[in-house]
Amino acid sequence: MEPFIRFLTHALQQPLPGPAAQALMMPSMADKSRFSLQAKKGARAGGVMILFYQHQGEWFFPLIQRPDYDGVHAKQMSFPGGKKDVEDPDLVATALRETEEEIGVDRKKIALAGQLTELYIIASNFNVLPVIGHLPARPEFVADPHEVDEIIEVKVTDLMKDALQKEMPMTILHGVTINAPYFDLSGKIVWGATAMILAELKAVLKAYFRIG
């Protein structure tokens, strides 16, 4: 097993950084007050996949840009994933199925390393489980044209660069202005729930990269 995957698998079996790490990239209101991370009763369940693979000596993971549609996450950067279907035995199966459907990676070829902390997404009333998978090499991606505008391949080393962790004001639904922390990855603004999940992942990986 590659040292990176060995480290990651072991780290995910330890107590996770959890909401404290997620909150580092949580948007805030103009007065600096925070939203609540407490899941509401009746929240829908979903799973997303952080899929690591090695290519040309570097570790990567894919993000997808959602198409422009009538929904709260239109045009946003996200992980492959979605809501739990009735045939999914659990949220790990959801993440695997959605990854195959959205970016064309055969779910049977994905090895699992573990999971991060579930995250409640306020805007869409989802409770999401981030699942960590890995492949031995870069896959041939095939984007679902209805679900994915673009697949972005992100270097793990870029995620670890503090200089690419930024913040900007943003106007969201009903003209509300928020302060939105974001990761500047491959020329894309990655904010919201995806950035919060990445914040916990970054906290997990700091020891591997000997940061902090």
N, C-alpha and C. Protein backbone atom coordinates (compact mmCIF):
# COMPACT_ATOMS: atom_id res chain seq x y z
N MET A 1 0.84 -1.20 0.00
CA MET A 1 0.00 0.00 0.00
C MET A 1 0.88 1.25 0.00
N GLU A 2 0.52 2.23 -0.78
CA GLU A 2 1.27 3.48 -0.84
C GLU A 2 1.28 4.17 0.54
N PRO A 3 2.40 4.81 0.91
CA PRO A 3 2.48 5.47 2.22
C PRO A 3 1.35 6.47 2.46
N PHE A 4 0.97 7.23 1.43
CA PHE A 4 -0.10 8.22 1.60
C PHE A 4 -1.41 7.53 1.98
N ILE A 5 -1.76 6.46 1.29
CA ILE A 5 -3.00 5.75 1.57
C ILE A 5 -2.93 5.05 2.92
N ARG A 6 -1.76 4.50 3.24
CA ARG A 6 -1.59 3.87 4.55
C ARG A 6 -1.81 4.88 5.67
N PHE A 7 -1.19 6.07 5.53
CA PHE A 7 -1.38 7.12 6.53
C PHE A 7 -2.86 7.51 6.63
N LEU A 8 -3.48 7.75 5.49
CA LEU A 8 -4.86 8.21 5.47
C LEU A 8 -5.79 7.18 6.11
N THR A 9 -5.63 5.92 5.76
CA THR A 9 -6.49 4.87 6.31
C THR A 9 -6.35 4.81 7.82
N HIS A 10 -5.13 4.91 8.31
CA HIS A 10 -4.91 4.89 9.77
C HIS A 10 -5.51 6.13 10.42
N ALA A 11 -5.29 7.29 9.82
CA ALA A 11 -5.77 8.55 10.41
C ALA A 11 -7.30 8.58 10.50
N LEU A 12 -7.97 7.99 9.53
CA LEU A 12 -9.43 8.01 9.52
C LEU A 12 -10.03 7.07 10.56
N GLN A 13 -9.20 6.22 11.14
CA GLN A 13 -9.66 5.34 12.21
C GLN A 13 -9.50 5.98 13.58
N GLN A 14 -8.82 7.12 13.62
CA GLN A 14 -8.61 7.86 14.87
C GLN A 14 -9.75 8.88 15.05
N PRO A 15 -9.86 9.49 16.24
CA PRO A 15 -10.84 10.56 16.42
C PRO A 15 -10.62 11.66 15.38
N LEU A 16 -11.68 12.08 14.72
CA LEU A 16 -11.58 13.03 13.62
C LEU A 16 -11.62 14.48 14.13
N PRO A 17 -11.06 15.41 13.36
CA PRO A 17 -11.12 16.83 13.74
C PRO A 17 -12.55 17.34 13.90
N GLY A 18 -13.47 16.81 13.07
CA GLY A 18 -14.90 17.07 13.23
C GLY A 18 -15.34 18.50 12.96
N PRO A 19 -16.46 18.90 13.62
CA PRO A 19 -17.05 20.22 13.35
C PRO A 19 -16.12 21.40 13.56
N ALA A 20 -15.16 21.27 14.48
CA ALA A 20 -14.23 22.39 14.72
C ALA A 20 -13.43 22.69 13.46
N ALA A 21 -13.01 21.65 12.74
CA ALA A 21 -12.27 21.86 11.48
C ALA A 21 -13.22 22.31 10.38
N GLN A 22 -14.40 21.72 10.29
CA GLN A 22 -15.37 22.11 9.28
C GLN A 22 -15.70 23.61 9.39
N ALA A 23 -15.82 24.08 10.63
CA ALA A 23 -16.25 25.46 10.87
C ALA A 23 -15.23 26.49 10.38
N LEU A 24 -13.98 26.08 10.17
CA LEU A 24 -12.97 27.02 9.69
C LEU A 24 -13.33 27.58 8.31
N MET A 25 -14.08 26.82 7.53
CA MET A 25 -14.46 27.27 6.19
C MET A 25 -15.97 27.49 6.08
N MET A 26 -16.60 27.70 7.22
CA MET A 26 -18.05 27.92 7.25
C MET A 26 -18.36 29.38 6.96
N PRO A 27 -19.25 29.67 6.01
CA PRO A 27 -19.63 31.07 5.76
C PRO A 27 -20.26 31.69 7.00
N SER A 28 -20.12 33.00 7.11
CA SER A 28 -20.71 33.72 8.23
C SER A 28 -21.49 34.91 7.68
N MET A 29 -22.40 35.40 8.48
CA MET A 29 -23.16 36.59 8.11
C MET A 29 -22.24 37.81 8.19
N ALA A 30 -22.74 38.92 7.70
CA ALA A 30 -21.94 40.14 7.68
C ALA A 30 -21.51 40.56 9.08
N ASP A 31 -22.34 40.21 10.09
CA ASP A 31 -22.00 40.57 11.48
C ASP A 31 -21.12 39.51 12.15
N LYS A 32 -20.62 38.55 11.34
CA LYS A 32 -19.72 37.48 11.79
C LYS A 32 -20.44 36.35 12.53
N SER A 33 -21.77 36.42 12.68
CA SER A 33 -22.49 35.31 13.29
C SER A 33 -22.49 34.13 12.34
N ARG A 34 -22.54 32.94 12.91
CA ARG A 34 -22.44 31.71 12.13
C ARG A 34 -23.81 31.05 11.96
N PHE A 35 -23.90 30.24 10.92
CA PHE A 35 -25.07 29.39 10.75
C PHE A 35 -24.95 28.22 11.72
N SER A 36 -26.03 27.46 11.87
CA SER A 36 -26.02 26.29 12.75
C SER A 36 -25.64 25.04 11.96
N LEU A 37 -24.78 24.21 12.56
CA LEU A 37 -24.41 22.94 11.96
C LEU A 37 -25.30 21.80 12.44
N GLN A 38 -26.26 22.12 13.30
CA GLN A 38 -27.14 21.10 13.85
C GLN A 38 -28.13 20.65 12.80
N ALA A 39 -28.12 19.35 12.48
CA ALA A 39 -29.03 18.82 11.47
C ALA A 39 -30.48 18.94 11.95
N LYS A 40 -31.35 19.32 11.04
CA LYS A 40 -32.77 19.45 11.36
C LYS A 40 -33.47 18.11 11.22
N LYS A 41 -34.54 17.94 11.97
CA LYS A 41 -35.35 16.73 11.87
C LYS A 41 -35.90 16.63 10.45
N GLY A 42 -35.76 15.45 9.86
CA GLY A 42 -36.27 15.25 8.50
C GLY A 42 -35.27 15.60 7.42
N ALA A 43 -34.03 15.93 7.80
CA ALA A 43 -33.01 16.23 6.78
C ALA A 43 -32.78 15.00 5.91
N ARG A 44 -32.59 15.23 4.62
CA ARG A 44 -32.34 14.13 3.70
C ARG A 44 -30.90 13.61 3.86
N ALA A 45 -30.70 12.35 3.56
CA ALA A 45 -29.38 11.73 3.70
C ALA A 45 -28.69 11.66 2.34
N GLY A 46 -27.39 11.92 2.34
CA GLY A 46 -26.62 11.86 1.11
C GLY A 46 -25.19 11.42 1.37
N GLY A 47 -24.51 11.02 0.31
CA GLY A 47 -23.12 10.63 0.42
C GLY A 47 -22.30 11.23 -0.71
N VAL A 48 -21.08 11.65 -0.42
CA VAL A 48 -20.17 12.17 -1.44
C VAL A 48 -18.85 11.42 -1.36
N MET A 49 -18.12 11.44 -2.45
CA MET A 49 -16.88 10.68 -2.54
C MET A 49 -15.68 11.61 -2.75
N ILE A 50 -14.67 11.45 -1.88
CA ILE A 50 -13.36 12.06 -2.10
C ILE A 50 -12.47 10.93 -2.62
N LEU A 51 -12.15 10.99 -3.89
CA LEU A 51 -11.51 9.87 -4.57
C LEU A 51 -10.06 10.21 -4.91
N PHE A 52 -9.13 9.59 -4.21
CA PHE A 52 -7.71 9.85 -4.42
C PHE A 52 -7.13 8.91 -5.48
N TYR A 53 -6.24 9.44 -6.28
CA TYR A 53 -5.51 8.63 -7.24
C TYR A 53 -4.16 9.29 -7.50
N GLN A 54 -3.19 8.49 -7.90
CA GLN A 54 -1.85 8.98 -8.16
C GLN A 54 -1.65 9.13 -9.67
N HIS A 55 -1.03 10.25 -10.05
CA HIS A 55 -0.77 10.51 -11.46
C HIS A 55 0.50 11.34 -11.59
N GLN A 56 1.45 10.83 -12.35
CA GLN A 56 2.72 11.53 -12.57
C GLN A 56 3.38 11.94 -11.26
N GLY A 57 3.34 11.03 -10.30
CA GLY A 57 4.03 11.25 -9.03
C GLY A 57 3.31 12.13 -8.04
N GLU A 58 2.08 12.55 -8.35
CA GLU A 58 1.30 13.42 -7.46
C GLU A 58 -0.02 12.74 -7.11
N TRP A 59 -0.54 13.07 -5.92
CA TRP A 59 -1.87 12.60 -5.54
C TRP A 59 -2.90 13.67 -5.90
N PHE A 60 -4.00 13.20 -6.47
CA PHE A 60 -5.09 14.08 -6.90
C PHE A 60 -6.42 13.57 -6.35
N PHE A 61 -7.43 14.45 -6.42
CA PHE A 61 -8.82 14.04 -6.25
C PHE A 61 -9.68 14.91 -7.17
N PRO A 62 -10.80 14.39 -7.68
CA PRO A 62 -11.63 15.18 -8.58
C PRO A 62 -12.72 15.97 -7.84
N LEU A 63 -12.97 17.15 -8.34
CA LEU A 63 -14.16 17.91 -8.00
C LEU A 63 -14.98 18.10 -9.28
N ILE A 64 -16.26 18.32 -9.12
CA ILE A 64 -17.10 18.57 -10.29
C ILE A 64 -17.77 19.92 -10.16
N GLN A 65 -17.98 20.56 -11.31
CA GLN A 65 -18.77 21.79 -11.33
C GLN A 65 -20.17 21.43 -11.77
N ARG A 66 -21.13 21.78 -10.93
CA ARG A 66 -22.52 21.50 -11.24
C ARG A 66 -23.00 22.41 -12.37
N PRO A 67 -23.93 21.95 -13.19
CA PRO A 67 -24.47 22.80 -14.26
C PRO A 67 -25.37 23.90 -13.70
N ASP A 68 -25.75 24.82 -14.55
CA ASP A 68 -26.67 25.89 -14.17
C ASP A 68 -28.09 25.34 -14.21
N TYR A 69 -28.71 25.25 -13.05
CA TYR A 69 -30.06 24.71 -12.97
C TYR A 69 -30.82 25.46 -11.89
N ASP A 70 -32.09 25.17 -11.76
CA ASP A 70 -32.93 25.86 -10.78
C ASP A 70 -32.76 25.17 -9.43
N GLY A 71 -31.69 25.51 -8.73
CA GLY A 71 -31.41 24.90 -7.44
C GLY A 71 -30.35 25.66 -6.69
N VAL A 72 -30.24 25.38 -5.39
CA VAL A 72 -29.35 26.18 -4.54
C VAL A 72 -27.87 25.92 -4.81
N HIS A 73 -27.54 24.79 -5.43
CA HIS A 73 -26.13 24.47 -5.67
C HIS A 73 -25.72 24.61 -7.14
N ALA A 74 -26.52 25.32 -7.92
CA ALA A 74 -26.20 25.51 -9.34
C ALA A 74 -24.83 26.16 -9.51
N LYS A 75 -24.05 25.63 -10.45
CA LYS A 75 -22.72 26.15 -10.84
C LYS A 75 -21.66 26.00 -9.74
N GLN A 76 -22.00 25.41 -8.62
CA GLN A 76 -21.03 25.28 -7.54
C GLN A 76 -20.10 24.10 -7.78
N MET A 77 -18.94 24.16 -7.12
CA MET A 77 -17.99 23.06 -7.11
C MET A 77 -18.38 22.08 -5.99
N SER A 78 -18.32 20.80 -6.30
CA SER A 78 -18.68 19.81 -5.30
C SER A 78 -17.92 18.52 -5.54
N PHE A 79 -18.12 17.57 -4.64
CA PHE A 79 -17.64 16.21 -4.85
C PHE A 79 -18.70 15.43 -5.62
N PRO A 80 -18.31 14.37 -6.31
CA PRO A 80 -19.33 13.47 -6.84
C PRO A 80 -20.17 12.96 -5.67
N GLY A 81 -21.47 12.92 -5.86
CA GLY A 81 -22.33 12.44 -4.77
C GLY A 81 -23.75 12.89 -4.95
N GLY A 82 -24.58 12.49 -4.01
CA GLY A 82 -25.99 12.85 -4.09
C GLY A 82 -26.80 12.18 -3.01
N LYS A 83 -28.10 12.18 -3.19
CA LYS A 83 -29.01 11.67 -2.15
C LYS A 83 -29.06 10.15 -2.16
N LYS A 84 -29.35 9.60 -1.00
CA LYS A 84 -29.48 8.15 -0.84
C LYS A 84 -30.73 7.67 -1.55
N ASP A 85 -30.59 6.65 -2.38
CA ASP A 85 -31.73 6.02 -3.04
C ASP A 85 -32.19 4.82 -2.22
N VAL A 86 -33.42 4.38 -2.48
CA VAL A 86 -33.97 3.29 -1.69
C VAL A 86 -33.17 2.01 -1.84
N GLU A 87 -32.51 1.83 -3.00
CA GLU A 87 -31.75 0.59 -3.21
C GLU A 87 -30.36 0.65 -2.59
N ASP A 88 -29.93 1.81 -2.10
CA ASP A 88 -28.61 1.91 -1.47
C ASP A 88 -28.68 1.35 -0.05
N PRO A 89 -27.86 0.36 0.28
CA PRO A 89 -27.90 -0.17 1.65
C PRO A 89 -27.39 0.81 2.70
N ASP A 90 -26.51 1.72 2.30
CA ASP A 90 -25.99 2.71 3.22
C ASP A 90 -25.42 3.88 2.41
N LEU A 91 -24.89 4.89 3.11
CA LEU A 91 -24.39 6.09 2.43
C LEU A 91 -23.06 5.86 1.73
N VAL A 92 -22.32 4.85 2.14
CA VAL A 92 -21.10 4.49 1.40
C VAL A 92 -21.50 4.01 0.01
N ALA A 93 -22.52 3.17 -0.05
CA ALA A 93 -23.03 2.69 -1.33
C ALA A 93 -23.55 3.85 -2.17
N THR A 94 -24.17 4.83 -1.53
CA THR A 94 -24.65 6.02 -2.24
C THR A 94 -23.49 6.75 -2.90
N ALA A 95 -22.43 6.99 -2.13
CA ALA A 95 -21.27 7.71 -2.66
C ALA A 95 -20.63 6.95 -3.82
N LEU A 96 -20.52 5.65 -3.69
CA LEU A 96 -19.94 4.83 -4.77
C LEU A 96 -20.81 4.88 -6.02
N ARG A 97 -22.11 4.72 -5.86
CA ARG A 97 -23.02 4.72 -7.01
C ARG A 97 -22.99 6.07 -7.72
N GLU A 98 -23.07 7.13 -6.94
CA GLU A 98 -23.10 8.47 -7.54
C GLU A 98 -21.79 8.79 -8.26
N THR A 99 -20.68 8.31 -7.73
CA THR A 99 -19.39 8.53 -8.38
C THR A 99 -19.35 7.85 -9.74
N GLU A 100 -19.87 6.64 -9.81
CA GLU A 100 -19.93 5.94 -11.09
C GLU A 100 -20.86 6.65 -12.06
N GLU A 101 -22.01 7.10 -11.57
CA GLU A 101 -22.99 7.74 -12.44
C GLU A 101 -22.52 9.10 -12.93
N GLU A 102 -21.85 9.86 -12.06
CA GLU A 102 -21.54 11.25 -12.40
C GLU A 102 -20.21 11.41 -13.13
N ILE A 103 -19.20 10.62 -12.76
CA ILE A 103 -17.89 10.82 -13.39
C ILE A 103 -17.35 9.54 -14.05
N GLY A 104 -18.17 8.49 -14.10
CA GLY A 104 -17.84 7.32 -14.90
C GLY A 104 -16.79 6.39 -14.34
N VAL A 105 -16.53 6.45 -13.03
CA VAL A 105 -15.54 5.56 -12.42
C VAL A 105 -16.25 4.31 -11.89
N ASP A 106 -15.84 3.16 -12.33
CA ASP A 106 -16.43 1.89 -11.92
C ASP A 106 -16.33 1.75 -10.40
N ARG A 107 -17.49 1.68 -9.74
CA ARG A 107 -17.50 1.63 -8.28
C ARG A 107 -16.78 0.39 -7.73
N LYS A 108 -16.76 -0.69 -8.51
CA LYS A 108 -16.12 -1.93 -8.05
C LYS A 108 -14.59 -1.80 -7.99
N LYS A 109 -14.05 -0.80 -8.65
CA LYS A 109 -12.60 -0.61 -8.66
C LYS A 109 -12.11 0.33 -7.56
N ILE A 110 -13.04 0.94 -6.84
CA ILE A 110 -12.68 1.91 -5.80
C ILE A 110 -12.48 1.19 -4.47
N ALA A 111 -11.29 1.33 -3.91
CA ALA A 111 -11.01 0.82 -2.56
C ALA A 111 -11.36 1.90 -1.55
N LEU A 112 -11.83 1.49 -0.39
CA LEU A 112 -12.28 2.44 0.62
C LEU A 112 -11.24 2.60 1.73
N ALA A 113 -11.02 3.85 2.14
CA ALA A 113 -10.07 4.14 3.21
C ALA A 113 -10.76 4.54 4.51
N GLY A 114 -12.00 5.02 4.41
CA GLY A 114 -12.71 5.47 5.60
C GLY A 114 -13.68 6.59 5.30
N GLN A 115 -14.00 7.35 6.33
CA GLN A 115 -14.99 8.41 6.21
C GLN A 115 -14.57 9.61 7.04
N LEU A 116 -15.06 10.77 6.65
CA LEU A 116 -14.94 11.96 7.46
C LEU A 116 -16.23 12.16 8.25
N THR A 117 -16.32 13.28 8.95
CA THR A 117 -17.48 13.58 9.78
C THR A 117 -18.67 14.01 8.93
N GLU A 118 -19.84 13.50 9.24
CA GLU A 118 -21.04 13.94 8.53
C GLU A 118 -21.22 15.45 8.68
N LEU A 119 -21.79 16.05 7.66
CA LEU A 119 -21.97 17.50 7.63
C LEU A 119 -23.41 17.83 7.24
N TYR A 120 -24.04 18.70 8.00
CA TYR A 120 -25.38 19.16 7.66
C TYR A 120 -25.28 20.36 6.73
N ILE A 121 -25.92 20.28 5.57
CA ILE A 121 -25.92 21.36 4.59
C ILE A 121 -27.24 22.11 4.70
N ILE A 122 -27.16 23.33 5.19
CA ILE A 122 -28.35 24.10 5.49
C ILE A 122 -29.17 24.40 4.24
N ALA A 123 -28.50 24.85 3.18
CA ALA A 123 -29.20 25.36 1.99
C ALA A 123 -30.12 24.33 1.36
N SER A 124 -29.71 23.05 1.39
CA SER A 124 -30.50 22.01 0.74
C SER A 124 -31.07 20.99 1.72
N ASN A 125 -30.87 21.21 3.04
CA ASN A 125 -31.40 20.34 4.09
C ASN A 125 -30.94 18.90 3.90
N PHE A 126 -29.63 18.74 3.70
CA PHE A 126 -29.02 17.42 3.54
C PHE A 126 -28.06 17.15 4.69
N ASN A 127 -28.04 15.93 5.17
CA ASN A 127 -26.99 15.47 6.06
C ASN A 127 -26.09 14.55 5.23
N VAL A 128 -24.84 14.96 5.01
CA VAL A 128 -23.97 14.31 4.03
C VAL A 128 -22.79 13.61 4.70
N LEU A 129 -22.54 12.38 4.25
CA LEU A 129 -21.38 11.63 4.71
C LEU A 129 -20.28 11.68 3.66
N PRO A 130 -19.10 12.24 3.98
CA PRO A 130 -17.97 12.20 3.05
C PRO A 130 -17.23 10.86 3.16
N VAL A 131 -17.18 10.13 2.06
CA VAL A 131 -16.53 8.83 1.99
C VAL A 131 -15.19 8.99 1.28
N ILE A 132 -14.16 8.33 1.79
CA ILE A 132 -12.83 8.43 1.20
C ILE A 132 -12.52 7.14 0.45
N GLY A 133 -12.23 7.27 -0.85
CA GLY A 133 -11.85 6.13 -1.66
C GLY A 133 -10.54 6.38 -2.38
N HIS A 134 -9.98 5.34 -2.98
CA HIS A 134 -8.73 5.53 -3.72
C HIS A 134 -8.62 4.51 -4.85
N LEU A 135 -7.83 4.90 -5.85
CA LEU A 135 -7.54 4.09 -7.02
C LEU A 135 -6.02 4.02 -7.19
N PRO A 136 -5.52 2.98 -7.83
CA PRO A 136 -4.06 2.89 -8.03
C PRO A 136 -3.52 3.84 -9.08
N ALA A 137 -4.38 4.34 -9.96
CA ALA A 137 -3.93 5.22 -11.04
C ALA A 137 -5.09 6.12 -11.47
N ARG A 138 -4.77 7.11 -12.28
CA ARG A 138 -5.79 8.03 -12.77
C ARG A 138 -6.82 7.28 -13.62
N PRO A 139 -8.11 7.45 -13.33
CA PRO A 139 -9.13 6.77 -14.12
C PRO A 139 -9.45 7.56 -15.38
N GLU A 140 -10.17 6.92 -16.28
CA GLU A 140 -10.72 7.62 -17.44
C GLU A 140 -12.07 8.19 -17.03
N PHE A 141 -12.11 9.49 -16.82
CA PHE A 141 -13.34 10.11 -16.37
C PHE A 141 -14.32 10.26 -17.53
N VAL A 142 -15.60 10.04 -17.23
CA VAL A 142 -16.67 10.27 -18.19
C VAL A 142 -17.77 11.04 -17.45
N ALA A 143 -17.92 12.31 -17.78
CA ALA A 143 -18.86 13.16 -17.07
C ALA A 143 -20.29 12.95 -17.56
N ASP A 144 -21.22 12.84 -16.64
CA ASP A 144 -22.64 12.81 -16.98
C ASP A 144 -23.04 14.23 -17.41
N PRO A 145 -23.45 14.42 -18.65
CA PRO A 145 -23.72 15.79 -19.13
C PRO A 145 -24.89 16.47 -18.41
N HIS A 146 -25.76 15.69 -17.78
CA HIS A 146 -26.90 16.28 -17.07
C HIS A 146 -26.54 16.70 -15.65
N GLU A 147 -25.46 16.12 -15.11
CA GLU A 147 -25.10 16.37 -13.72
C GLU A 147 -23.81 17.16 -13.56
N VAL A 148 -22.98 17.15 -14.61
CA VAL A 148 -21.62 17.68 -14.47
C VAL A 148 -21.27 18.57 -15.66
N ASP A 149 -20.89 19.81 -15.36
CA ASP A 149 -20.40 20.70 -16.42
C ASP A 149 -18.92 20.47 -16.70
N GLU A 150 -18.17 20.19 -15.64
CA GLU A 150 -16.72 20.05 -15.78
C GLU A 150 -16.17 19.23 -14.63
N ILE A 151 -15.16 18.42 -14.92
CA ILE A 151 -14.43 17.70 -13.88
C ILE A 151 -13.08 18.38 -13.68
N ILE A 152 -12.79 18.74 -12.44
CA ILE A 152 -11.55 19.43 -12.09
C ILE A 152 -10.69 18.48 -11.28
N GLU A 153 -9.43 18.29 -11.71
CA GLU A 153 -8.51 17.42 -10.99
C GLU A 153 -7.61 18.28 -10.11
N VAL A 154 -7.71 18.06 -8.80
CA VAL A 154 -7.04 18.90 -7.82
C VAL A 154 -5.86 18.16 -7.20
N LYS A 155 -4.70 18.81 -7.15
CA LYS A 155 -3.55 18.23 -6.47
C LYS A 155 -3.75 18.35 -4.95
N VAL A 156 -3.46 17.29 -4.24
CA VAL A 156 -3.55 17.33 -2.79
C VAL A 156 -2.60 18.39 -2.22
N THR A 157 -1.44 18.53 -2.83
CA THR A 157 -0.48 19.53 -2.33
C THR A 157 -1.03 20.95 -2.45
N ASP A 158 -1.91 21.19 -3.43
CA ASP A 158 -2.53 22.52 -3.53
C ASP A 158 -3.50 22.76 -2.37
N LEU A 159 -4.25 21.73 -2.01
CA LEU A 159 -5.17 21.86 -0.87
C LEU A 159 -4.40 22.26 0.39
N MET A 160 -3.18 21.77 0.53
CA MET A 160 -2.41 22.01 1.74
C MET A 160 -1.76 23.39 1.79
N LYS A 161 -1.83 24.17 0.71
CA LYS A 161 -1.21 25.49 0.67
C LYS A 161 -2.13 26.53 1.32
N ASP A 162 -1.71 27.08 2.44
CA ASP A 162 -2.53 28.06 3.15
C ASP A 162 -2.81 29.30 2.29
N ALA A 163 -1.91 29.62 1.37
CA ALA A 163 -2.10 30.80 0.52
C ALA A 163 -3.31 30.66 -0.40
N LEU A 164 -3.77 29.43 -0.62
CA LEU A 164 -4.93 29.20 -1.48
C LEU A 164 -6.23 29.11 -0.69
N GLN A 165 -6.15 29.43 0.58
CA GLN A 165 -7.32 29.46 1.46
C GLN A 165 -7.66 30.93 1.69
N LYS A 166 -8.80 31.38 1.15
CA LYS A 166 -9.11 32.81 1.08
C LYS A 166 -10.53 33.08 1.58
N GLU A 167 -10.95 34.33 1.49
CA GLU A 167 -12.31 34.70 1.90
C GLU A 167 -12.78 35.88 1.06
N MET A 168 -14.08 35.92 0.78
CA MET A 168 -14.64 37.03 0.03
C MET A 168 -16.11 37.21 0.41
N PRO A 169 -16.64 38.44 0.22
CA PRO A 169 -18.08 38.64 0.41
C PRO A 169 -18.85 38.02 -0.75
N MET A 170 -20.03 37.52 -0.46
CA MET A 170 -20.84 36.87 -1.49
C MET A 170 -22.31 37.13 -1.21
N THR A 171 -23.07 37.40 -2.26
CA THR A 171 -24.51 37.59 -2.12
C THR A 171 -25.21 36.30 -2.52
N ILE A 172 -26.05 35.79 -1.61
CA ILE A 172 -26.74 34.53 -1.86
C ILE A 172 -28.24 34.78 -1.98
N LEU A 173 -29.05 33.79 -1.73
CA LEU A 173 -30.50 33.90 -1.90
C LEU A 173 -31.08 35.07 -1.11
N HIS A 174 -32.08 35.69 -1.70
CA HIS A 174 -32.81 36.81 -1.07
C HIS A 174 -31.91 38.01 -0.80
N GLY A 175 -30.80 38.12 -1.53
CA GLY A 175 -29.92 39.28 -1.41
C GLY A 175 -29.11 39.34 -0.13
N VAL A 176 -28.99 38.24 0.57
CA VAL A 176 -28.23 38.21 1.82
C VAL A 176 -26.73 38.17 1.50
N THR A 177 -25.96 39.02 2.17
CA THR A 177 -24.51 39.05 2.00
C THR A 177 -23.84 38.24 3.10
N ILE A 178 -22.93 37.36 2.69
CA ILE A 178 -22.19 36.55 3.65
C ILE A 178 -20.69 36.72 3.40
N ASN A 179 -19.91 36.37 4.40
CA ASN A 179 -18.47 36.26 4.24
C ASN A 179 -18.18 34.79 3.96
N ALA A 180 -17.65 34.50 2.78
CA ALA A 180 -17.48 33.12 2.35
C ALA A 180 -16.00 32.73 2.27
N PRO A 181 -15.50 31.94 3.23
CA PRO A 181 -14.17 31.37 3.06
C PRO A 181 -14.20 30.40 1.87
N TYR A 182 -13.09 30.31 1.16
CA TYR A 182 -13.05 29.40 0.02
C TYR A 182 -11.62 28.94 -0.25
N PHE A 183 -11.51 27.81 -0.96
CA PHE A 183 -10.24 27.34 -1.48
C PHE A 183 -10.15 27.73 -2.95
N ASP A 184 -9.02 28.27 -3.33
CA ASP A 184 -8.76 28.65 -4.73
C ASP A 184 -8.00 27.48 -5.36
N LEU A 185 -8.74 26.56 -5.97
CA LEU A 185 -8.15 25.32 -6.46
C LEU A 185 -8.35 25.18 -7.96
N SER A 186 -7.26 25.05 -8.67
CA SER A 186 -7.29 24.89 -10.13
C SER A 186 -8.11 26.01 -10.79
N GLY A 187 -7.99 27.20 -10.24
CA GLY A 187 -8.69 28.35 -10.80
C GLY A 187 -10.17 28.40 -10.49
N LYS A 188 -10.65 27.55 -9.58
CA LYS A 188 -12.06 27.50 -9.22
C LYS A 188 -12.26 27.93 -7.76
N ILE A 189 -13.38 28.57 -7.51
CA ILE A 189 -13.74 28.97 -6.15
C ILE A 189 -14.52 27.82 -5.52
N VAL A 190 -13.96 27.21 -4.49
CA VAL A 190 -14.57 26.07 -3.82
C VAL A 190 -14.98 26.53 -2.43
N TRP A 191 -16.28 26.69 -2.22
CA TRP A 191 -16.77 27.26 -0.96
C TRP A 191 -17.92 26.40 -0.44
N GLY A 192 -18.53 26.87 0.65
CA GLY A 192 -19.69 26.19 1.20
C GLY A 192 -19.37 24.83 1.78
N ALA A 193 -20.30 23.89 1.63
CA ALA A 193 -20.16 22.57 2.23
C ALA A 193 -18.90 21.85 1.73
N THR A 194 -18.59 22.00 0.44
CA THR A 194 -17.41 21.33 -0.11
C THR A 194 -16.15 21.84 0.57
N ALA A 195 -16.05 23.14 0.77
CA ALA A 195 -14.88 23.71 1.46
C ALA A 195 -14.81 23.25 2.90
N MET A 196 -15.95 23.11 3.55
CA MET A 196 -15.98 22.67 4.95
C MET A 196 -15.49 21.22 5.07
N ILE A 197 -15.90 20.39 4.13
CA ILE A 197 -15.41 19.01 4.11
C ILE A 197 -13.91 18.99 3.84
N LEU A 198 -13.46 19.81 2.90
CA LEU A 198 -12.03 19.88 2.60
C LEU A 198 -11.23 20.40 3.79
N ALA A 199 -11.82 21.26 4.60
CA ALA A 199 -11.12 21.77 5.78
C ALA A 199 -10.82 20.65 6.76
N GLU A 200 -11.78 19.73 6.93
CA GLU A 200 -11.52 18.60 7.82
C GLU A 200 -10.49 17.67 7.21
N LEU A 201 -10.59 17.43 5.90
CA LEU A 201 -9.59 16.61 5.23
C LEU A 201 -8.20 17.20 5.38
N LYS A 202 -8.08 18.49 5.20
CA LYS A 202 -6.78 19.16 5.34
C LYS A 202 -6.23 18.98 6.75
N ALA A 203 -7.11 19.09 7.75
CA ALA A 203 -6.67 18.90 9.13
C ALA A 203 -6.16 17.48 9.36
N VAL A 204 -6.81 16.49 8.75
CA VAL A 204 -6.38 15.10 8.86
C VAL A 204 -5.00 14.90 8.22
N LEU A 205 -4.78 15.57 7.08
CA LEU A 205 -3.56 15.35 6.31
C LEU A 205 -2.36 16.17 6.78
N LYS A 206 -2.56 17.11 7.68
CA LYS A 206 -1.46 17.98 8.10
C LYS A 206 -0.27 17.20 8.64
N ALA A 207 -0.54 16.17 9.38
CA ALA A 207 0.57 15.39 9.97
C ALA A 207 1.37 14.69 8.87
N TYR A 208 0.71 14.25 7.81
CA TYR A 208 1.42 13.59 6.72
C TYR A 208 2.37 14.56 6.04
N PHE A 209 1.88 15.78 5.83
CA PHE A 209 2.70 16.80 5.17
C PHE A 209 3.54 17.60 6.17
N ARG A 210 3.44 17.24 7.45
CA ARG A 210 4.19 17.88 8.53
C ARG A 210 3.96 19.38 8.53
N ILE A 211 2.68 19.75 8.53
CA ILE A 211 2.30 21.17 8.57
C ILE A 211 1.74 21.47 9.96
N GLY A 212 2.09 22.63 10.47
CA GLY A 212 1.54 23.05 11.77
C GLY A 212 2.25 22.41 12.95
